[in-house]
Amino acid sequence: MEERAVKETTDDKVCPACKHRTKERSGKEKRDMLNRLSRIEGQVRGIKKMVESDVYCPEILIQVSAVNAALNSFNKVLLAEHIRSCVAEDIREGKEETIDELVLVLQKLMK
């Protein structure tokens, strides 16, 4: 499948510093995402302490598995919101290249 660059139009919200598209999130959405990431960050710090404390390998592996599950859950929520908002809006506006972008993202997530 041919990769096509995502076209940026003057209608797109673009970060002036890096020229990447941005997404405005509601306060609740942003807060929920940051809370989830903070919990995951805490779990990772806990794993680091376990390694520093020479905890038995299987116990660390179980915690790593929990972090992986939390990150997968975060990805599912973020992907669903992306499809409901960004992708749906772009398709309504006739921006078919968004489908190609979504396919590429899904391919990367499924590796």
PDB file of N, CA and C in Angstrom:
ATOM      1  N   MET A   1       0.845  -1.180   0.000  1.00  0.00           N
ATOM      2  CA  MET A   1       0.000   0.000   0.000  1.00  0.00           C
ATOM      3  C   MET A   1       0.882   1.232   0.000  1.00  0.00           C
ATOM      4  N   GLU A   2       0.596   2.155  -0.847  1.00  0.00           N
ATOM      5  CA  GLU A   2       1.379   3.380  -0.987  1.00  0.00           C
ATOM      6  C   GLU A   2       1.074   4.340   0.164  1.00  0.00           C
ATOM      7  N   GLU A   3       2.164   4.892   0.769  1.00  0.00           N
ATOM      8  CA  GLU A   3       1.965   5.871   1.828  1.00  0.00           C
ATOM      9  C   GLU A   3       1.803   7.240   1.203  1.00  0.00           C
ATOM     10  N   ARG A   4       0.744   7.933   1.574  1.00  0.00           N
ATOM     11  CA  ARG A   4       0.522   9.296   1.103  1.00  0.00           C
ATOM     12  C   ARG A   4       0.661  10.234   2.274  1.00  0.00           C
ATOM     13  N   ALA A   5       1.343  11.342   2.017  1.00  0.00           N
ATOM     14  CA  ALA A   5       1.487  12.344   3.078  1.00  0.00           C
ATOM     15  C   ALA A   5       0.123  12.966   3.356  1.00  0.00           C
ATOM     16  N   VAL A   6      -0.118  13.267   4.601  1.00  0.00           N
ATOM     17  CA  VAL A   6      -1.366  13.921   4.981  1.00  0.00           C
ATOM     18  C   VAL A   6      -1.257  15.375   4.568  1.00  0.00           C
ATOM     19  N   LYS A   7      -2.220  15.831   3.773  1.00  0.00           N
ATOM     20  CA  LYS A   7      -2.218  17.211   3.304  1.00  0.00           C
ATOM     21  C   LYS A   7      -2.638  18.131   4.431  1.00  0.00           C
ATOM     22  N   GLU A   8      -1.910  19.220   4.574  1.00  0.00           N
ATOM     23  CA  GLU A   8      -2.290  20.218   5.560  1.00  0.00           C
ATOM     24  C   GLU A   8      -2.938  21.383   4.826  1.00  0.00           C
ATOM     25  N   THR A   9      -4.101  21.752   5.269  1.00  0.00           N
ATOM     26  CA  THR A   9      -4.779  22.888   4.665  1.00  0.00           C
ATOM     27  C   THR A   9      -4.810  24.013   5.677  1.00  0.00           C
ATOM     28  N   THR A  10      -5.238  25.162   5.248  1.00  0.00           N
ATOM     29  CA  THR A  10      -5.326  26.283   6.172  1.00  0.00           C
ATOM     30  C   THR A  10      -6.400  26.053   7.216  1.00  0.00           C
ATOM     31  N   ASP A  11      -7.335  25.107   6.971  1.00  0.00           N
ATOM     32  CA  ASP A  11      -8.382  24.801   7.934  1.00  0.00           C
ATOM     33  C   ASP A  11      -7.859  23.954   9.094  1.00  0.00           C
ATOM     34  N   ASP A  12      -6.767  23.188   8.857  1.00  0.00           N
ATOM     35  CA  ASP A  12      -6.233  22.316   9.894  1.00  0.00           C
ATOM     36  C   ASP A  12      -5.604  23.137  11.004  1.00  0.00           C
ATOM     37  N   LYS A  13      -5.756  22.646  12.240  1.00  0.00           N
ATOM     38  CA  LYS A  13      -5.050  23.244  13.365  1.00  0.00           C
ATOM     39  C   LYS A  13      -3.619  22.720  13.294  1.00  0.00           C
ATOM     40  N   VAL A  14      -2.644  23.625  13.231  1.00  0.00           N
ATOM     41  CA  VAL A  14      -1.257  23.214  13.072  1.00  0.00           C
ATOM     42  C   VAL A  14      -0.416  23.885  14.139  1.00  0.00           C
ATOM     43  N   CYS A  15       0.464  23.106  14.753  1.00  0.00           N
ATOM     44  CA  CYS A  15       1.402  23.651  15.721  1.00  0.00           C
ATOM     45  C   CYS A  15       2.417  24.494  14.962  1.00  0.00           C
ATOM     46  N   PRO A  16       2.547  25.794  15.275  1.00  0.00           N
ATOM     47  CA  PRO A  16       3.458  26.648  14.516  1.00  0.00           C
ATOM     48  C   PRO A  16       4.925  26.249  14.661  1.00  0.00           C
ATOM     49  N   ALA A  17       5.280  25.622  15.763  1.00  0.00           N
ATOM     50  CA  ALA A  17       6.675  25.263  15.988  1.00  0.00           C
ATOM     51  C   ALA A  17       7.099  24.049  15.169  1.00  0.00           C
ATOM     52  N   CYS A  18       6.208  23.042  15.051  1.00  0.00           N
ATOM     53  CA  CYS A  18       6.625  21.795  14.403  1.00  0.00           C
ATOM     54  C   CYS A  18       5.825  21.447  13.148  1.00  0.00           C
ATOM     55  N   LYS A  19       4.796  22.184  12.872  1.00  0.00           N
ATOM     56  CA  LYS A  19       3.962  21.988  11.676  1.00  0.00           C
ATOM     57  C   LYS A  19       3.155  20.691  11.690  1.00  0.00           C
ATOM     58  N   HIS A  20       3.026  20.034  12.837  1.00  0.00           N
ATOM     59  CA  HIS A  20       2.186  18.847  12.940  1.00  0.00           C
ATOM     60  C   HIS A  20       0.758  19.267  13.271  1.00  0.00           C
ATOM     61  N   ARG A  21      -0.178  18.436  12.869  1.00  0.00           N
ATOM     62  CA  ARG A  21      -1.572  18.694  13.223  1.00  0.00           C
ATOM     63  C   ARG A  21      -1.721  18.576  14.725  1.00  0.00           C
ATOM     64  N   THR A  22      -2.651  19.299  15.268  1.00  0.00           N
ATOM     65  CA  THR A  22      -2.936  19.216  16.692  1.00  0.00           C
ATOM     66  C   THR A  22      -4.410  18.915  16.882  1.00  0.00           C
ATOM     67  N   LYS A  23      -4.784  18.587  18.106  1.00  0.00           N
ATOM     68  CA  LYS A  23      -6.186  18.291  18.414  1.00  0.00           C
ATOM     69  C   LYS A  23      -6.547  19.003  19.698  1.00  0.00           C
ATOM     70  N   GLU A  24      -7.575  19.806  19.644  1.00  0.00           N
ATOM     71  CA  GLU A  24      -8.075  20.442  20.853  1.00  0.00           C
ATOM     72  C   GLU A  24      -8.964  19.434  21.577  1.00  0.00           C
ATOM     73  N   ARG A  25      -8.660  19.226  22.863  1.00  0.00           N
ATOM     74  CA  ARG A  25      -9.432  18.283  23.665  1.00  0.00           C
ATOM     75  C   ARG A  25     -10.194  19.041  24.735  1.00  0.00           C
ATOM     76  N   SER A  26     -11.329  18.502  25.114  1.00  0.00           N
ATOM     77  CA  SER A  26     -12.081  19.106  26.212  1.00  0.00           C
ATOM     78  C   SER A  26     -11.256  18.957  27.489  1.00  0.00           C
ATOM     79  N   GLY A  27     -11.582  19.766  28.481  1.00  0.00           N
ATOM     80  CA  GLY A  27     -10.886  19.673  29.760  1.00  0.00           C
ATOM     81  C   GLY A  27     -11.003  18.301  30.373  1.00  0.00           C
ATOM     82  N   LYS A  28     -12.203  17.712  30.308  1.00  0.00           N
ATOM     83  CA  LYS A  28     -12.438  16.383  30.880  1.00  0.00           C
ATOM     84  C   LYS A  28     -11.635  15.325  30.137  1.00  0.00           C
ATOM     85  N   GLU A  29     -11.644  15.388  28.803  1.00  0.00           N
ATOM     86  CA  GLU A  29     -10.914  14.396  28.007  1.00  0.00           C
ATOM     87  C   GLU A  29      -9.421  14.462  28.322  1.00  0.00           C
ATOM     88  N   LYS A  30      -8.879  15.663  28.349  1.00  0.00           N
ATOM     89  CA  LYS A  30      -7.452  15.832  28.630  1.00  0.00           C
ATOM     90  C   LYS A  30      -7.128  15.364  30.050  1.00  0.00           C
ATOM     91  N   ARG A  31      -7.964  15.727  31.005  1.00  0.00           N
ATOM     92  CA  ARG A  31      -7.751  15.342  32.404  1.00  0.00           C
ATOM     93  C   ARG A  31      -7.783  13.817  32.552  1.00  0.00           C
ATOM     94  N   ASP A  32      -8.768  13.170  31.914  1.00  0.00           N
ATOM     95  CA  ASP A  32      -8.875  11.710  31.975  1.00  0.00           C
ATOM     96  C   ASP A  32      -7.637  11.036  31.374  1.00  0.00           C
ATOM     97  N   MET A  33      -7.183  11.544  30.235  1.00  0.00           N
ATOM     98  CA  MET A  33      -5.997  10.975  29.589  1.00  0.00           C
ATOM     99  C   MET A  33      -4.763  11.149  30.473  1.00  0.00           C
ATOM    100  N   LEU A  34      -4.588  12.341  31.016  1.00  0.00           N
ATOM    101  CA  LEU A  34      -3.422  12.609  31.868  1.00  0.00           C
ATOM    102  C   LEU A  34      -3.473  11.780  33.144  1.00  0.00           C
ATOM    103  N   ASN A  35      -4.660  11.576  33.709  1.00  0.00           N
ATOM    104  CA  ASN A  35      -4.786  10.725  34.903  1.00  0.00           C
ATOM    105  C   ASN A  35      -4.375   9.291  34.598  1.00  0.00           C
ATOM    106  N   ARG A  36      -4.838   8.771  33.463  1.00  0.00           N
ATOM    107  CA  ARG A  36      -4.459   7.406  33.071  1.00  0.00           C
ATOM    108  C   ARG A  36      -2.944   7.295  32.910  1.00  0.00           C
ATOM    109  N   LEU A  37      -2.356   8.289  32.222  1.00  0.00           N
ATOM    110  CA  LEU A  37      -0.912   8.260  31.993  1.00  0.00           C
ATOM    111  C   LEU A  37      -0.132   8.401  33.297  1.00  0.00           C
ATOM    112  N   SER A  38      -0.640   9.186  34.225  1.00  0.00           N
ATOM    113  CA  SER A  38       0.020   9.320  35.527  1.00  0.00           C
ATOM    114  C   SER A  38       0.011   7.998  36.286  1.00  0.00           C
ATOM    115  N   ARG A  39      -1.123   7.271  36.205  1.00  0.00           N
ATOM    116  CA  ARG A  39      -1.188   5.960  36.862  1.00  0.00           C
ATOM    117  C   ARG A  39      -0.175   5.000  36.234  1.00  0.00           C
ATOM    118  N   ILE A  40      -0.088   5.020  34.905  1.00  0.00           N
ATOM    119  CA  ILE A  40       0.860   4.153  34.195  1.00  0.00           C
ATOM    120  C   ILE A  40       2.292   4.534  34.572  1.00  0.00           C
ATOM    121  N   GLU A  41       2.558   5.819  34.622  1.00  0.00           N
ATOM    122  CA  GLU A  41       3.884   6.304  35.008  1.00  0.00           C
ATOM    123  C   GLU A  41       4.235   5.808  36.413  1.00  0.00           C
ATOM    124  N   GLY A  42       3.274   5.853  37.314  1.00  0.00           N
ATOM    125  CA  GLY A  42       3.488   5.345  38.669  1.00  0.00           C
ATOM    126  C   GLY A  42       3.782   3.849  38.669  1.00  0.00           C
ATOM    127  N   GLN A  43       3.074   3.108  37.824  1.00  0.00           N
ATOM    128  CA  GLN A  43       3.328   1.672  37.722  1.00  0.00           C
ATOM    129  C   GLN A  43       4.753   1.409  37.234  1.00  0.00           C
ATOM    130  N   VAL A  44       5.200   2.182  36.247  1.00  0.00           N
ATOM    131  CA  VAL A  44       6.556   2.004  35.704  1.00  0.00           C
ATOM    132  C   VAL A  44       7.599   2.342  36.774  1.00  0.00           C
ATOM    133  N   ARG A  45       7.370   3.407  37.529  1.00  0.00           N
ATOM    134  CA  ARG A  45       8.285   3.741  38.626  1.00  0.00           C
ATOM    135  C   ARG A  45       8.326   2.599  39.651  1.00  0.00           C
ATOM    136  N   GLY A  46       7.168   1.988  39.900  1.00  0.00           N
ATOM    137  CA  GLY A  46       7.114   0.849  40.813  1.00  0.00           C
ATOM    138  C   GLY A  46       7.941  -0.312  40.302  1.00  0.00           C
ATOM    139  N   ILE A  47       7.887  -0.571  39.008  1.00  0.00           N
ATOM    140  CA  ILE A  47       8.686  -1.646  38.409  1.00  0.00           C
ATOM    141  C   ILE A  47      10.172  -1.333  38.560  1.00  0.00           C
ATOM    142  N   LYS A  48      10.537  -0.096  38.340  1.00  0.00           N
ATOM    143  CA  LYS A  48      11.942   0.315  38.484  1.00  0.00           C
ATOM    144  C   LYS A  48      12.421   0.039  39.911  1.00  0.00           C
ATOM    145  N   LYS A  49      11.593   0.381  40.907  1.00  0.00           N
ATOM    146  CA  LYS A  49      11.949   0.132  42.305  1.00  0.00           C
ATOM    147  C   LYS A  49      12.069  -1.367  42.579  1.00  0.00           C
ATOM    148  N   MET A  50      11.193  -2.155  41.930  1.00  0.00           N
ATOM    149  CA  MET A  50      11.273  -3.603  42.100  1.00  0.00           C
ATOM    150  C   MET A  50      12.614  -4.131  41.589  1.00  0.00           C
ATOM    151  N   VAL A  51      13.048  -3.629  40.451  1.00  0.00           N
ATOM    152  CA  VAL A  51      14.334  -4.054  39.889  1.00  0.00           C
ATOM    153  C   VAL A  51      15.469  -3.621  40.823  1.00  0.00           C
ATOM    154  N   GLU A  52      15.404  -2.380  41.297  1.00  0.00           N
ATOM    155  CA  GLU A  52      16.427  -1.876  42.210  1.00  0.00           C
ATOM    156  C   GLU A  52      16.481  -2.695  43.498  1.00  0.00           C
ATOM    157  N   SER A  53      15.330  -3.231  43.901  1.00  0.00           N
ATOM    158  CA  SER A  53      15.235  -4.004  45.148  1.00  0.00           C
ATOM    159  C   SER A  53      15.438  -5.497  44.931  1.00  0.00           C
ATOM    160  N   ASP A  54      15.834  -5.889  43.728  1.00  0.00           N
ATOM    161  CA  ASP A  54      16.102  -7.294  43.406  1.00  0.00           C
ATOM    162  C   ASP A  54      14.897  -8.203  43.634  1.00  0.00           C
ATOM    163  N   VAL A  55      13.701  -7.699  43.294  1.00  0.00           N
ATOM    164  CA  VAL A  55      12.480  -8.511  43.411  1.00  0.00           C
ATOM    165  C   VAL A  55      12.564  -9.670  42.415  1.00  0.00           C
ATOM    166  N   TYR A  56      11.991 -10.773  42.779  1.00  0.00           N
ATOM    167  CA  TYR A  56      11.986 -11.992  41.965  1.00  0.00           C
ATOM    168  C   TYR A  56      11.321 -11.724  40.609  1.00  0.00           C
ATOM    169  N   CYS A  57      11.935 -12.246  39.552  1.00  0.00           N
ATOM    170  CA  CYS A  57      11.540 -11.963  38.159  1.00  0.00           C
ATOM    171  C   CYS A  57      10.046 -12.109  37.865  1.00  0.00           C
ATOM    172  N   PRO A  58       9.398 -13.215  38.240  1.00  0.00           N
ATOM    173  CA  PRO A  58       7.976 -13.362  37.900  1.00  0.00           C
ATOM    174  C   PRO A  58       7.101 -12.237  38.450  1.00  0.00           C
ATOM    175  N   GLU A  59       7.442 -11.735  39.625  1.00  0.00           N
ATOM    176  CA  GLU A  59       6.654 -10.636  40.184  1.00  0.00           C
ATOM    177  C   GLU A  59       6.802  -9.373  39.333  1.00  0.00           C
ATOM    178  N   ILE A  60       8.002  -9.131  38.832  1.00  0.00           N
ATOM    179  CA  ILE A  60       8.235  -7.978  37.958  1.00  0.00           C
ATOM    180  C   ILE A  60       7.495  -8.181  36.643  1.00  0.00           C
ATOM    181  N   LEU A  61       7.575  -9.381  36.109  1.00  0.00           N
ATOM    182  CA  LEU A  61       6.899  -9.678  34.839  1.00  0.00           C
ATOM    183  C   LEU A  61       5.398  -9.437  34.936  1.00  0.00           C
ATOM    184  N   ILE A  62       4.805  -9.792  36.050  1.00  0.00           N
ATOM    185  CA  ILE A  62       3.367  -9.577  36.240  1.00  0.00           C
ATOM    186  C   ILE A  62       3.053  -8.079  36.220  1.00  0.00           C
ATOM    187  N   GLN A  63       3.917  -7.281  36.843  1.00  0.00           N
ATOM    188  CA  GLN A  63       3.700  -5.835  36.851  1.00  0.00           C
ATOM    189  C   GLN A  63       3.910  -5.231  35.457  1.00  0.00           C
ATOM    190  N   VAL A  64       4.882  -5.744  34.722  1.00  0.00           N
ATOM    191  CA  VAL A  64       5.102  -5.284  33.343  1.00  0.00           C
ATOM    192  C   VAL A  64       3.876  -5.611  32.497  1.00  0.00           C
ATOM    193  N   SER A  65       3.314  -6.780  32.707  1.00  0.00           N
ATOM    194  CA  SER A  65       2.097  -7.163  31.988  1.00  0.00           C
ATOM    195  C   SER A  65       0.945  -6.211  32.305  1.00  0.00           C
ATOM    196  N   ALA A  66       0.847  -5.792  33.563  1.00  0.00           N
ATOM    197  CA  ALA A  66      -0.206  -4.844  33.954  1.00  0.00           C
ATOM    198  C   ALA A  66      -0.011  -3.493  33.268  1.00  0.00           C
ATOM    199  N   VAL A  67       1.249  -3.054  33.137  1.00  0.00           N
ATOM    200  CA  VAL A  67       1.531  -1.791  32.441  1.00  0.00           C
ATOM    201  C   VAL A  67       1.158  -1.919  30.964  1.00  0.00           C
ATOM    202  N   ASN A  68       1.518  -3.043  30.357  1.00  0.00           N
ATOM    203  CA  ASN A  68       1.154  -3.263  28.954  1.00  0.00           C
ATOM    204  C   ASN A  68      -0.359  -3.212  28.768  1.00  0.00           C
ATOM    205  N   ALA A  69      -1.092  -3.831  29.674  1.00  0.00           N
ATOM    206  CA  ALA A  69      -2.554  -3.825  29.595  1.00  0.00           C
ATOM    207  C   ALA A  69      -3.091  -2.397  29.740  1.00  0.00           C
ATOM    208  N   ALA A  70      -2.509  -1.631  30.659  1.00  0.00           N
ATOM    209  CA  ALA A  70      -2.946  -0.244  30.863  1.00  0.00           C
ATOM    210  C   ALA A  70      -2.668   0.602  29.627  1.00  0.00           C
ATOM    211  N   LEU A  71      -1.505   0.409  29.009  1.00  0.00           N
ATOM    212  CA  LEU A  71      -1.192   1.154  27.784  1.00  0.00           C
ATOM    213  C   LEU A  71      -2.109   0.746  26.642  1.00  0.00           C
ATOM    214  N   ASN A  72      -2.414  -0.545  26.528  1.00  0.00           N
ATOM    215  CA  ASN A  72      -3.344  -0.997  25.493  1.00  0.00           C
ATOM    216  C   ASN A  72      -4.724  -0.390  25.703  1.00  0.00           C
ATOM    217  N   SER A  73      -5.155  -0.319  26.941  1.00  0.00           N
ATOM    218  CA  SER A  73      -6.446   0.291  27.253  1.00  0.00           C
ATOM    219  C   SER A  73      -6.438   1.772  26.890  1.00  0.00           C
ATOM    220  N   PHE A  74      -5.362   2.462  27.210  1.00  0.00           N
ATOM    221  CA  PHE A  74      -5.217   3.874  26.849  1.00  0.00           C
ATOM    222  C   PHE A  74      -5.310   4.037  25.328  1.00  0.00           C
ATOM    223  N   ASN A  75      -4.602   3.180  24.593  1.00  0.00           N
ATOM    224  CA  ASN A  75      -4.634   3.237  23.126  1.00  0.00           C
ATOM    225  C   ASN A  75      -6.051   3.035  22.591  1.00  0.00           C
ATOM    226  N   LYS A  76      -6.793   2.103  23.159  1.00  0.00           N
ATOM    227  CA  LYS A  76      -8.156   1.843  22.686  1.00  0.00           C
ATOM    228  C   LYS A  76      -9.048   3.065  22.876  1.00  0.00           C
ATOM    229  N   VAL A  77      -8.945   3.691  24.037  1.00  0.00           N
ATOM    230  CA  VAL A  77      -9.748   4.883  24.308  1.00  0.00           C
ATOM    231  C   VAL A  77      -9.353   6.015  23.365  1.00  0.00           C
ATOM    232  N   LEU A  78      -8.050   6.233  23.207  1.00  0.00           N
ATOM    233  CA  LEU A  78      -7.568   7.305  22.328  1.00  0.00           C
ATOM    234  C   LEU A  78      -7.955   7.052  20.871  1.00  0.00           C
ATOM    235  N   LEU A  79      -7.808   5.820  20.420  1.00  0.00           N
ATOM    236  CA  LEU A  79      -8.167   5.480  19.037  1.00  0.00           C
ATOM    237  C   LEU A  79      -9.660   5.676  18.797  1.00  0.00           C
ATOM    238  N   ALA A  80     -10.483   5.241  19.727  1.00  0.00           N
ATOM    239  CA  ALA A  80     -11.932   5.411  19.574  1.00  0.00           C
ATOM    240  C   ALA A  80     -12.294   6.889  19.486  1.00  0.00           C
ATOM    241  N   GLU A  81     -11.708   7.702  20.334  1.00  0.00           N
ATOM    242  CA  GLU A  81     -11.977   9.143  20.308  1.00  0.00           C
ATOM    243  C   GLU A  81     -11.481   9.759  19.002  1.00  0.00           C
ATOM    244  N   HIS A  82     -10.324   9.323  18.530  1.00  0.00           N
ATOM    245  CA  HIS A  82      -9.776   9.828  17.267  1.00  0.00           C
ATOM    246  C   HIS A  82     -10.722   9.520  16.106  1.00  0.00           C
ATOM    247  N   ILE A  83     -11.237   8.297  16.073  1.00  0.00           N
ATOM    248  CA  ILE A  83     -12.143   7.907  14.988  1.00  0.00           C
ATOM    249  C   ILE A  83     -13.443   8.700  15.077  1.00  0.00           C
ATOM    250  N   ARG A  84     -13.995   8.824  16.290  1.00  0.00           N
ATOM    251  CA  ARG A  84     -15.262   9.541  16.470  1.00  0.00           C
ATOM    252  C   ARG A  84     -15.148  11.026  16.145  1.00  0.00           C
ATOM    253  N   SER A  85     -13.991  11.612  16.399  1.00  0.00           N
ATOM    254  CA  SER A  85     -13.874  13.060  16.202  1.00  0.00           C
ATOM    255  C   SER A  85     -13.081  13.387  14.937  1.00  0.00           C
ATOM    256  N   CYS A  86     -11.785  13.234  14.988  1.00  0.00           N
ATOM    257  CA  CYS A  86     -10.911  13.660  13.890  1.00  0.00           C
ATOM    258  C   CYS A  86     -11.243  12.977  12.561  1.00  0.00           C
ATOM    259  N   VAL A  87     -11.313  11.645  12.587  1.00  0.00           N
ATOM    260  CA  VAL A  87     -11.532  10.900  11.348  1.00  0.00           C
ATOM    261  C   VAL A  87     -12.920  11.195  10.787  1.00  0.00           C
ATOM    262  N   ALA A  88     -13.941  11.134  11.628  1.00  0.00           N
ATOM    263  CA  ALA A  88     -15.309  11.391  11.161  1.00  0.00           C
ATOM    264  C   ALA A  88     -15.429  12.802  10.583  1.00  0.00           C
ATOM    265  N   GLU A  89     -14.833  13.770  11.261  1.00  0.00           N
ATOM    266  CA  GLU A  89     -14.906  15.157  10.783  1.00  0.00           C
ATOM    267  C   GLU A  89     -14.201  15.311   9.436  1.00  0.00           C
ATOM    268  N   ASP A  90     -13.012  14.721   9.312  1.00  0.00           N
ATOM    269  CA  ASP A  90     -12.274  14.816   8.049  1.00  0.00           C
ATOM    270  C   ASP A  90     -13.034  14.147   6.904  1.00  0.00           C
ATOM    271  N   ILE A  91     -13.640  13.007   7.167  1.00  0.00           N
ATOM    272  CA  ILE A  91     -14.397  12.311   6.120  1.00  0.00           C
ATOM    273  C   ILE A  91     -15.600  13.154   5.692  1.00  0.00           C
ATOM    274  N   ARG A  92     -16.280  13.752   6.672  1.00  0.00           N
ATOM    275  CA  ARG A  92     -17.408  14.636   6.330  1.00  0.00           C
ATOM    276  C   ARG A  92     -16.950  15.808   5.468  1.00  0.00           C
ATOM    277  N   GLU A  93     -15.708  16.250   5.687  1.00  0.00           N
ATOM    278  CA  GLU A  93     -15.157  17.366   4.909  1.00  0.00           C
ATOM    279  C   GLU A  93     -14.529  16.905   3.598  1.00  0.00           C
ATOM    280  N   GLY A  94     -14.607  15.606   3.306  1.00  0.00           N
ATOM    281  CA  GLY A  94     -14.084  15.084   2.053  1.00  0.00           C
ATOM    282  C   GLY A  94     -12.584  14.828   2.047  1.00  0.00           C
ATOM    283  N   LYS A  95     -11.968  14.780   3.198  1.00  0.00           N
ATOM    284  CA  LYS A  95     -10.521  14.539   3.295  1.00  0.00           C
ATOM    285  C   LYS A  95     -10.271  13.030   3.346  1.00  0.00           C
ATOM    286  N   GLU A  96     -10.294  12.421   2.189  1.00  0.00           N
ATOM    287  CA  GLU A  96     -10.148  10.964   2.085  1.00  0.00           C
ATOM    288  C   GLU A  96      -8.778  10.480   2.552  1.00  0.00           C
ATOM    289  N   GLU A  97      -7.752  11.336   2.506  1.00  0.00           N
ATOM    290  CA  GLU A  97      -6.407  10.930   2.917  1.00  0.00           C
ATOM    291  C   GLU A  97      -6.359  10.536   4.392  1.00  0.00           C
ATOM    292  N   THR A  98      -7.347  10.960   5.149  1.00  0.00           N
ATOM    293  CA  THR A  98      -7.419  10.594   6.566  1.00  0.00           C
ATOM    294  C   THR A  98      -7.611   9.095   6.734  1.00  0.00           C
ATOM    295  N   ILE A  99      -8.292   8.463   5.802  1.00  0.00           N
ATOM    296  CA  ILE A  99      -8.470   7.012   5.858  1.00  0.00           C
ATOM    297  C   ILE A  99      -7.119   6.326   5.713  1.00  0.00           C
ATOM    298  N   ASP A 100      -6.291   6.804   4.770  1.00  0.00           N
ATOM    299  CA  ASP A 100      -4.951   6.241   4.602  1.00  0.00           C
ATOM    300  C   ASP A 100      -4.124   6.422   5.873  1.00  0.00           C
ATOM    301  N   GLU A 101      -4.244   7.593   6.492  1.00  0.00           N
ATOM    302  CA  GLU A 101      -3.528   7.863   7.735  1.00  0.00           C
ATOM    303  C   GLU A 101      -3.977   6.889   8.824  1.00  0.00           C
ATOM    304  N   LEU A 102      -5.278   6.664   8.934  1.00  0.00           N
ATOM    305  CA  LEU A 102      -5.820   5.747   9.936  1.00  0.00           C
ATOM    306  C   LEU A 102      -5.332   4.323   9.687  1.00  0.00           C
ATOM    307  N   VAL A 103      -5.313   3.898   8.442  1.00  0.00           N
ATOM    308  CA  VAL A 103      -4.834   2.558   8.106  1.00  0.00           C
ATOM    309  C   VAL A 103      -3.379   2.397   8.540  1.00  0.00           C
ATOM    310  N   LEU A 104      -2.552   3.402   8.274  1.00  0.00           N
ATOM    311  CA  LEU A 104      -1.145   3.341   8.684  1.00  0.00           C
ATOM    312  C   LEU A 104      -1.005   3.262  10.194  1.00  0.00           C
ATOM    313  N   VAL A 105      -1.792   4.034  10.906  1.00  0.00           N
ATOM    314  CA  VAL A 105      -1.749   4.003  12.364  1.00  0.00           C
ATOM    315  C   VAL A 105      -2.146   2.614  12.864  1.00  0.00           C
ATOM    316  N   LEU A 106      -3.222   2.057  12.308  1.00  0.00           N
ATOM    317  CA  LEU A 106      -3.663   0.724  12.725  1.00  0.00           C
ATOM    318  C   LEU A 106      -2.595  -0.325  12.434  1.00  0.00           C
ATOM    319  N   GLN A 107      -1.927  -0.223  11.289  1.00  0.00           N
ATOM    320  CA  GLN A 107      -0.861  -1.156  10.963  1.00  0.00           C
ATOM    321  C   GLN A 107       0.264  -1.078  11.983  1.00  0.00           C
ATOM    322  N   LYS A 108       0.618   0.135  12.403  1.00  0.00           N
ATOM    323  CA  LYS A 108       1.681   0.296  13.405  1.00  0.00           C
ATOM    324  C   LYS A 108       1.246  -0.236  14.756  1.00  0.00           C
ATOM    325  N   LEU A 109      -0.030  -0.041  15.115  1.00  0.00           N
ATOM    326  CA  LEU A 109      -0.522  -0.542  16.395  1.00  0.00           C
ATOM    327  C   LEU A 109      -0.583  -2.061  16.436  1.00  0.00           C
ATOM    328  N   MET A 110      -0.728  -2.699  15.288  1.00  0.00           N
ATOM    329  CA  MET A 110      -0.894  -4.143  15.248  1.00  0.00           C
ATOM    330  C   MET A 110       0.424  -4.895  15.093  1.00  0.00           C
ATOM    331  N   LYS A 111       1.538  -4.215  15.140  1.00  0.00           N
ATOM    332  CA  LYS A 111       2.841  -4.895  15.014  1.00  0.00           C
ATOM    333  C   LYS A 111       3.122  -5.741  16.218  1.00  0.00           C
TER     334      LYS A 111
END
